[in-house]
């Protein structure tokens, strides 16, 4: 284990210890050793073993000082940001893999704790089974619709990212082509994730919860011979809210345990999600929290092309995806929604102006900051973004 002066204690070397012994001998016995003449003498040899033991004790002492310094660093960090403060409590949840928000402390809420935890909902799912690849292209080409995107079968190779797929060779190969086209498509790929198992394409909504249940999934047979089947009755299915999850009881207990370990006893926990925990003294306490108030939000981005532009203009879906990435990196549960923070001319240097507006109904638009409550969460997907060229 290495040590430095920064640790607060540096162990003495063998040379330093033996030099001290030499100086004591010169004082005690009237000798005039220098270190060069002292080395190799019987006294040097006799005291060398003792010096080694002294150095071992020095190292142990320096280890103790190092551990003390580490302990002080930890304690000082806790003093600077106690877990029970809003930032500290948020960090405690993040350390366990949760996104949380804490209501700012005001005098009226003295003695109370308001915590919102974003427990993700389950994904909606669906399947497309290729039953006869030849039937997909035997007459008028058949189609699979995912969301708002129609994927039309064709015998030739499909161009990646377009609304086509290749029905050729085998059912398995056709399913693989459809899977690849869905994932490569800017619009459909933003809504669902596709995987393949033999002749079956498995679709999973990227957004968790009941919202995925509205994603369209249909098969259109454009002649009289069926080439595929889809699950459900026109949409993905199975997405549901976190509180309906079979594992939610375990999640609720886990969240309550974090509250128990992070907030001082005596604080009254507020919320409609409740878990009772029996403490070591036999008393049972209720730990409460809130789930997010998820708000479907529509965005309208107006881009004004610069008169001096000589750059390539990004495709609409590229702009939308960049906007979503910016929001994902800068916005989170409980924060105010600040429209002009998420997309600027730096994101689209071919523009002279950008205007980002939000709406809760798709018709009334606002560009001012949405002042959020601690449990508000805007939810946006690619289909909720409209681009306007000015």
Protein backbone atom coordinates (compact mmCIF):
# COMPACT_ATOMS: atom_id res chain seq x y z
CA UNK A 1 0.00 0.00 0.00
CA UNK A 2 1.50 3.33 -1.04
CA UNK A 3 1.34 6.48 1.03
CA UNK A 4 1.91 10.16 0.35
CA UNK A 5 1.96 13.33 2.38
CA UNK A 6 -1.66 13.95 1.29
CA UNK A 7 -2.75 11.05 3.51
CA UNK A 8 -1.87 13.08 6.58
CA UNK A 9 0.97 10.81 7.78
CA UNK A 10 4.06 9.58 5.92
CA UNK A 11 5.92 6.57 7.40
CA UNK A 12 9.62 7.05 8.17
CA UNK A 13 12.08 5.17 5.94
CA UNK A 14 14.77 2.73 7.17
CA UNK A 15 17.44 5.32 6.33
CA UNK A 16 15.68 7.96 8.43
CA UNK A 17 15.30 5.58 11.38
CA UNK A 18 18.93 4.37 11.23
CA UNK A 19 20.15 7.96 10.89
CA UNK A 20 18.28 8.86 14.07
CA UNK A 21 19.85 5.85 15.88
CA UNK A 22 23.32 6.92 14.67
CA UNK A 23 22.83 10.45 15.97
CA UNK A 24 21.66 9.12 19.35
CA UNK A 25 24.77 6.87 19.53
CA UNK A 26 27.06 9.81 18.73
CA UNK A 27 25.44 11.84 21.50
CA UNK A 28 25.38 8.98 24.04
CA UNK A 29 28.81 7.46 23.46
CA UNK A 30 30.83 10.35 22.04
CA UNK A 31 31.30 8.68 18.67
CA UNK A 32 31.51 10.61 15.42
CA UNK A 33 29.86 8.33 12.92
CA UNK A 34 28.69 9.59 9.58
CA UNK A 35 26.02 7.53 7.85
CA UNK A 36 28.61 6.13 5.45
CA UNK A 37 30.89 4.98 8.29
CA UNK A 38 27.98 3.80 10.43
CA UNK A 39 26.69 1.35 7.81
CA UNK A 40 28.22 -2.10 8.37
CA UNK A 41 29.22 -1.61 12.00
CA UNK A 42 28.09 -4.14 14.63
CA UNK A 43 25.84 -1.49 16.18
CA UNK A 44 24.24 -0.87 12.75
CA UNK A 45 23.67 -4.58 12.28
CA UNK A 46 22.28 -4.97 15.79
CA UNK A 47 19.85 -2.05 15.47
CA UNK A 48 18.75 -2.78 11.90
CA UNK A 49 16.21 -5.41 13.00
CA UNK A 50 14.75 -2.98 15.53
CA UNK A 51 14.55 -0.34 12.80
CA UNK A 52 12.57 -2.72 10.61
CA UNK A 53 10.05 -3.27 13.41
CA UNK A 54 9.82 0.48 13.96
CA UNK A 55 9.12 1.00 10.25
CA UNK A 56 6.38 -1.65 10.33
CA UNK A 57 4.73 0.28 13.16
CA UNK A 58 5.14 3.48 11.17
CA UNK A 59 3.32 1.91 8.21
CA UNK A 60 0.48 0.68 10.45
CA UNK A 61 0.17 4.19 11.89
CA UNK A 62 0.04 5.72 8.41
CA UNK A 63 -2.67 3.22 7.44
CA UNK A 64 -4.74 4.31 10.42
CA UNK A 65 -4.38 7.95 9.40
CA UNK A 66 -5.38 7.08 5.82
CA UNK A 67 -8.52 5.28 6.99
CA UNK A 68 -9.36 8.17 9.29
CA UNK A 69 -9.01 10.61 6.42
CA UNK A 70 -11.30 8.49 4.23
CA UNK A 71 -13.85 8.36 7.06
CA UNK A 72 -13.71 12.14 7.47
CA UNK A 73 -14.18 12.59 3.70
CA UNK A 74 -17.33 10.45 3.78
CA UNK A 75 -18.74 12.24 6.82
CA UNK A 76 -17.99 15.66 5.33
CA UNK A 77 -19.78 14.67 2.11
CA UNK A 78 -22.83 13.60 4.10
CA UNK A 79 -22.79 16.86 6.04
CA UNK A 80 -22.61 18.86 2.81
CA UNK A 81 -25.51 16.94 1.20
CA UNK A 82 -27.56 14.93 3.69
CA UNK A 83 -29.68 12.16 2.16
CA UNK A 84 -32.87 13.60 3.63
CA UNK A 85 -32.53 16.81 1.58
CA UNK A 86 -34.29 16.80 -1.84
CA UNK A 87 -31.02 16.48 -3.83
CA UNK A 88 -29.71 13.79 -1.50
CA UNK A 89 -32.94 11.82 -1.57
CA UNK A 90 -33.07 11.96 -5.37
CA UNK A 91 -29.50 10.64 -5.47
CA UNK A 92 -30.41 7.84 -3.05
CA UNK A 93 -33.13 6.68 -5.45
CA UNK A 94 -30.84 7.06 -8.48
CA UNK A 95 -28.29 4.82 -6.76
CA UNK A 96 -30.95 2.09 -6.69
CA UNK A 97 -31.94 2.60 -10.34
CA UNK A 98 -35.04 4.79 -9.87
CA UNK A 99 -35.92 8.24 -11.19
CA UNK A 100 -37.48 10.29 -8.39
CA UNK A 101 -38.65 13.81 -7.72
CA UNK A 102 -39.13 15.51 -4.36
CA UNK A 103 -41.55 18.34 -3.68
CA UNK A 104 -39.65 21.48 -2.63
CA UNK A 105 -39.82 22.09 1.09
CA UNK A 106 -42.05 24.99 2.16
CA UNK A 107 -43.19 26.08 5.58
CA UNK A 108 -46.71 24.74 5.07
CA UNK A 109 -45.30 21.24 4.49
CA UNK A 110 -43.05 21.18 7.54
CA UNK A 111 -42.65 17.64 8.83
CA UNK A 112 -43.95 16.08 5.60
CA UNK A 113 -42.21 14.28 2.76
CA UNK A 114 -43.60 14.26 -0.79
CA UNK A 115 -41.74 11.91 -3.13
CA UNK A 116 -42.71 10.84 -6.66
CA UNK A 117 -41.03 7.77 -8.20
CA UNK A 118 -41.18 6.97 -11.90
CA UNK A 119 -41.94 3.26 -11.83
CA UNK A 120 -41.97 2.31 -15.48
CA UNK A 121 -45.07 0.69 -16.90
CA UNK A 122 -45.10 -2.51 -18.94
CA UNK A 123 -44.79 -2.56 -22.73
CA UNK A 124 -47.57 -3.35 -25.19
CA UNK A 125 -46.72 -6.20 -27.54
CA UNK A 126 -47.85 -7.86 -30.76
CA UNK A 127 -46.78 -10.49 -33.28
CA UNK A 128 -46.75 -10.90 -37.04
CA UNK A 129 -46.54 -14.50 -38.29
CA UNK A 130 -45.57 -15.14 -41.91
CA UNK A 131 -47.65 -18.16 -42.93
CA UNK A 132 -46.93 -18.13 -46.69
CA UNK A 133 -44.40 -15.69 -48.12
CA UNK A 134 -45.49 -16.53 -51.67
CA UNK A 135 -49.09 -15.53 -50.95
CA UNK A 136 -47.91 -12.07 -49.86
CA UNK A 137 -46.87 -11.28 -53.44
CA UNK A 138 -49.03 -13.64 -55.50
CA UNK A 139 -51.27 -10.90 -56.88
CA UNK A 140 -51.63 -7.42 -55.47
CA UNK A 141 -48.90 -7.11 -52.85
CA UNK A 142 -50.07 -7.48 -49.26
CA UNK A 143 -49.14 -5.08 -46.47
CA UNK A 144 -48.37 -4.93 -42.75
CA UNK A 145 -49.18 -1.67 -40.95
CA UNK A 146 -47.25 -0.67 -37.82
CA UNK A 147 -48.40 2.60 -36.29
CA UNK A 148 -48.87 4.96 -39.21
CA UNK A 149 -46.40 3.15 -41.46
CA UNK A 150 -47.47 0.68 -44.14
CA UNK A 151 -44.88 -1.98 -45.05
CA UNK A 152 -45.70 -3.46 -48.46
CA UNK A 153 -44.39 -6.87 -49.52
CA UNK A 154 -42.32 -7.15 -52.69
CA UNK A 155 -40.31 -9.87 -54.41
CA UNK A 156 -37.19 -7.76 -54.84
CA UNK A 157 -34.74 -6.64 -52.16
CA UNK A 158 -36.05 -3.90 -49.89
CA UNK A 159 -34.23 -0.60 -49.46
CA UNK A 160 -33.38 -0.22 -45.76
CA UNK A 161 -35.62 2.24 -43.92
CA UNK A 162 -38.41 2.31 -46.49
CA UNK A 163 -42.00 1.09 -46.24
CA UNK A 164 -41.32 -2.22 -47.98
CA UNK A 165 -40.06 -5.69 -47.11
CA UNK A 166 -38.92 -8.62 -49.19
CA UNK A 167 -41.19 -11.68 -49.40
CA UNK A 168 -38.87 -14.28 -50.86
CA UNK A 169 -36.91 -17.49 -50.22
CA UNK A 170 -38.77 -18.64 -47.09
CA UNK A 171 -41.19 -17.58 -44.36
CA UNK A 172 -38.26 -17.14 -41.96
CA UNK A 173 -36.32 -14.94 -44.38
CA UNK A 174 -39.42 -12.86 -45.04
CA UNK A 175 -39.98 -12.36 -41.30
CA UNK A 176 -36.34 -11.27 -40.94
CA UNK A 177 -36.74 -8.73 -43.74
CA UNK A 178 -39.89 -7.28 -42.16
CA UNK A 179 -38.17 -7.11 -38.76
CA UNK A 180 -35.17 -5.26 -40.19
CA UNK A 181 -37.36 -2.80 -42.11
CA UNK A 182 -39.42 -1.93 -39.02
CA UNK A 183 -36.33 -1.27 -36.91
CA UNK A 184 -34.66 0.77 -39.67
CA UNK A 185 -37.72 2.90 -40.35
CA UNK A 186 -37.50 6.34 -38.71
CA UNK A 187 -41.18 6.48 -37.73
CA UNK A 188 -42.08 2.86 -36.98
CA UNK A 189 -38.69 2.22 -35.37
CA UNK A 190 -39.31 5.06 -32.93
CA UNK A 191 -42.55 3.43 -31.80
CA UNK A 192 -41.64 -0.25 -31.56
CA UNK A 193 -38.70 -2.60 -31.28
CA UNK A 194 -38.88 -5.68 -33.51
CA UNK A 195 -37.20 -9.03 -33.02
CA UNK A 196 -37.65 -12.26 -34.96
CA UNK A 197 -38.15 -15.88 -33.97
CA UNK A 198 -38.32 -18.08 -37.03
CA UNK A 199 -41.30 -16.90 -39.08
CA UNK A 200 -42.65 -14.72 -36.25
CA UNK A 201 -41.86 -11.01 -35.88
CA UNK A 202 -42.21 -9.93 -32.25
CA UNK A 203 -43.10 -6.27 -31.68
CA UNK A 204 -42.71 -4.40 -28.41
CA UNK A 205 -43.72 -0.77 -27.85
CA UNK A 206 -40.72 1.31 -26.84
CA UNK A 207 -42.85 3.36 -24.43
CA UNK A 208 -44.15 1.44 -21.46
CA UNK A 209 -47.72 1.62 -20.20
CA UNK A 210 -51.14 1.76 -21.76
CA UNK A 211 -50.08 4.23 -24.48
CA UNK A 212 -48.59 1.38 -26.50
CA UNK A 213 -51.99 -0.28 -26.73
CA UNK A 214 -53.00 2.32 -29.34
CA UNK A 215 -50.19 1.47 -31.79
CA UNK A 216 -51.80 0.05 -34.93
CA UNK A 217 -50.85 -3.47 -36.03
CA UNK A 218 -52.80 -4.85 -39.01
CA UNK A 219 -52.38 -7.16 -41.98
CA UNK A 220 -54.03 -6.27 -45.29
CA UNK A 221 -54.63 -9.15 -47.70
CA UNK A 222 -54.97 -7.45 -51.07
CA UNK A 223 -56.09 -10.60 -52.88
CA UNK A 224 -57.77 -13.85 -51.86
CA UNK A 225 -54.88 -15.88 -50.36
CA UNK A 226 -53.59 -15.15 -46.87
CA UNK A 227 -49.85 -14.83 -46.32
CA UNK A 228 -49.65 -13.62 -42.73
CA UNK A 229 -51.52 -13.21 -39.45
CA UNK A 230 -51.26 -10.66 -36.66
CA UNK A 231 -52.23 -10.79 -33.01
CA UNK A 232 -54.79 -8.56 -31.37
CA UNK A 233 -57.68 -6.69 -32.84
CA UNK A 234 -55.90 -3.98 -34.78
CA UNK A 235 -53.39 -2.72 -32.22
CA UNK A 236 -50.63 -3.85 -29.90
CA UNK A 237 -51.90 -5.04 -26.53
CA UNK A 238 -50.77 -5.78 -23.00
CA UNK A 239 -49.40 -2.41 -21.96
CA UNK A 240 -50.54 -1.50 -18.46
CA UNK A 241 -49.85 0.89 -15.63
CA UNK A 242 -47.18 0.11 -13.07
CA UNK A 243 -49.63 -0.42 -10.23
CA UNK A 244 -51.20 -3.29 -12.21
CA UNK A 245 -47.83 -5.04 -12.67
CA UNK A 246 -47.52 -8.46 -11.01
CA UNK A 247 -44.11 -7.36 -9.68
CA UNK A 248 -45.38 -4.05 -8.38
CA UNK A 249 -45.74 -5.26 -4.79
CA UNK A 250 -41.99 -5.94 -4.73
CA UNK A 251 -41.24 -2.58 -6.33
CA UNK A 252 -43.42 -0.74 -3.81
CA UNK A 253 -41.63 -2.47 -0.91
CA UNK A 254 -38.25 -1.61 -2.43
CA UNK A 255 -39.20 2.07 -2.76
CA UNK A 256 -40.59 2.15 0.79
CA UNK A 257 -37.35 0.63 2.08
CA UNK A 258 -35.33 3.39 0.42
CA UNK A 259 -37.56 5.95 2.13
CA UNK A 260 -37.13 4.17 5.46
CA UNK A 261 -33.35 4.21 5.15
CA UNK A 262 -33.10 7.76 3.83
CA UNK A 263 -35.60 9.92 5.72
CA UNK A 264 -35.50 10.65 9.43
CA UNK A 265 -38.12 8.89 11.55
CA UNK A 266 -40.97 11.13 12.59
CA UNK A 267 -41.40 12.57 9.10
CA UNK A 268 -44.92 12.05 7.74
CA UNK A 269 -44.81 10.48 4.28
CA UNK A 270 -47.42 11.70 1.82
CA UNK A 271 -48.79 9.91 -1.25
CA UNK A 272 -51.33 7.41 -2.48
CA UNK A 273 -48.92 4.47 -2.81
CA UNK A 274 -48.57 2.94 0.67
CA UNK A 275 -46.32 0.23 2.09
CA UNK A 276 -46.17 -0.69 5.80
CA UNK A 277 -42.82 -1.81 7.21
CA UNK A 278 -42.25 -3.27 10.67
CA UNK A 279 -39.14 -1.79 12.27
CA UNK A 280 -36.74 -3.57 14.59
CA UNK A 281 -38.63 -2.28 17.65
CA UNK A 282 -41.80 -4.01 16.45
CA UNK A 283 -43.60 -0.83 15.37
CA UNK A 284 -45.17 -0.66 11.92
CA UNK A 285 -44.88 2.56 9.91
CA UNK A 286 -46.53 3.55 6.63
CA UNK A 287 -44.20 4.77 3.90
CA UNK A 288 -45.94 6.60 1.07
CA UNK A 289 -45.01 7.96 -2.33
CA UNK A 290 -46.69 9.13 -5.53
CA UNK A 291 -46.59 7.79 -9.09
CA UNK A 292 -46.10 10.31 -11.93
CA UNK A 293 -48.97 12.29 -13.38
CA UNK A 294 -48.20 11.33 -16.97
CA UNK A 295 -49.31 13.98 -19.44
CA UNK A 296 -49.56 13.18 -23.15
CA UNK A 297 -47.89 16.15 -24.77
CA UNK A 298 -47.81 17.32 -28.38
CA UNK A 299 -44.97 19.41 -29.76
CA UNK A 300 -44.86 21.77 -32.72
CA UNK A 301 -41.45 22.84 -33.99
CA UNK A 302 -41.40 25.75 -36.43
CA UNK A 303 -38.13 26.11 -38.36
CA UNK A 304 -37.29 29.25 -40.32
CA UNK A 305 -34.74 28.57 -43.08
CA UNK A 306 -31.80 30.98 -43.11
CA UNK A 307 -31.54 33.20 -46.20
CA UNK A 308 -27.79 32.53 -46.16
CA UNK A 309 -28.01 28.78 -45.80
CA UNK A 310 -25.64 26.65 -47.86
CA UNK A 311 -25.93 23.52 -45.69
CA UNK A 312 -27.84 20.31 -46.29
CA UNK A 313 -31.24 20.49 -44.60
CA UNK A 314 -31.96 17.58 -42.25
CA UNK A 315 -34.82 15.22 -43.04
CA UNK A 316 -37.97 15.75 -40.92
CA UNK A 317 -37.58 12.46 -39.02
CA UNK A 318 -33.94 13.33 -38.27
CA UNK A 319 -35.04 16.65 -36.78
CA UNK A 320 -37.72 14.91 -34.71
CA UNK A 321 -35.31 12.29 -33.41
CA UNK A 322 -32.75 14.96 -32.48
CA UNK A 323 -35.46 16.84 -30.60
CA UNK A 324 -36.46 13.71 -28.67
CA UNK A 325 -32.81 13.00 -27.80
CA UNK A 326 -32.35 16.54 -26.51
CA UNK A 327 -35.48 16.28 -24.37
CA UNK A 328 -34.38 12.90 -23.00
CA UNK A 329 -31.06 14.42 -21.92
CA UNK A 330 -32.40 17.66 -20.41
CA UNK A 331 -35.88 16.93 -19.11
CA UNK A 332 -37.05 14.63 -16.36
CA UNK A 333 -39.82 13.95 -13.88
CA UNK A 334 -40.94 16.98 -11.87
CA UNK A 335 -38.95 19.55 -13.83
CA UNK A 336 -40.44 22.57 -15.56
CA UNK A 337 -40.81 22.05 -19.30
CA UNK A 338 -38.74 24.79 -20.96
CA UNK A 339 -39.51 24.69 -24.72
CA UNK A 340 -36.67 26.83 -26.03
CA UNK A 341 -34.09 24.83 -24.11
CA UNK A 342 -34.57 21.62 -26.08
CA UNK A 343 -33.94 22.78 -29.65
CA UNK A 344 -31.97 25.78 -30.92
CA UNK A 345 -30.32 26.96 -34.12
CA UNK A 346 -27.24 25.04 -32.96
CA UNK A 347 -29.22 21.84 -33.53
CA UNK A 348 -30.22 22.99 -37.01
CA UNK A 349 -27.54 25.42 -38.28
CA UNK A 350 -29.40 25.82 -41.58
CA UNK A 351 -32.14 27.78 -39.75
CA UNK A 352 -32.27 31.39 -38.65
CA UNK A 353 -34.98 30.84 -36.03
CA UNK A 354 -36.65 27.97 -34.21
CA UNK A 355 -39.85 27.97 -32.19
CA UNK A 356 -40.84 24.99 -30.06
CA UNK A 357 -44.39 24.92 -28.69
CA UNK A 358 -46.26 22.39 -26.58
CA UNK A 359 -49.92 21.41 -26.27
CA UNK A 360 -51.92 19.02 -24.12
CA UNK A 361 -54.60 18.53 -26.78
CA UNK A 362 -52.92 19.11 -30.14
CA UNK A 363 -54.80 22.33 -30.86
CA UNK A 364 -53.96 24.93 -28.18
CA UNK A 365 -50.25 25.76 -28.41
CA UNK A 366 -47.94 27.40 -25.87
CA UNK A 367 -44.31 28.48 -26.01
CA UNK A 368 -43.99 29.61 -22.40
CA UNK A 369 -42.44 27.47 -19.67
CA UNK A 370 -44.76 24.87 -18.16
CA UNK A 371 -44.37 25.22 -14.40
CA UNK A 372 -44.50 21.62 -13.23
CA UNK A 373 -45.61 20.06 -9.99
CA UNK A 374 -43.15 17.59 -8.49
CA UNK A 375 -45.12 14.65 -9.94
CA UNK A 376 -45.72 16.00 -13.48
CA UNK A 377 -44.17 14.08 -16.36
CA UNK A 378 -44.52 15.08 -20.02
CA UNK A 379 -44.66 12.05 -22.34
CA UNK A 380 -43.85 12.58 -26.01
CA UNK A 381 -43.18 10.28 -28.93
CA UNK A 382 -42.26 10.85 -32.55
CA UNK A 383 -45.89 10.81 -33.68
CA UNK A 384 -46.66 13.71 -31.32
CA UNK A 385 -44.20 16.07 -33.04
CA UNK A 386 -45.25 18.34 -35.92
CA UNK A 387 -42.71 20.20 -38.04
CA UNK A 388 -43.57 23.50 -39.70
CA UNK A 389 -41.32 25.22 -42.26
CA UNK A 390 -41.51 28.99 -42.14
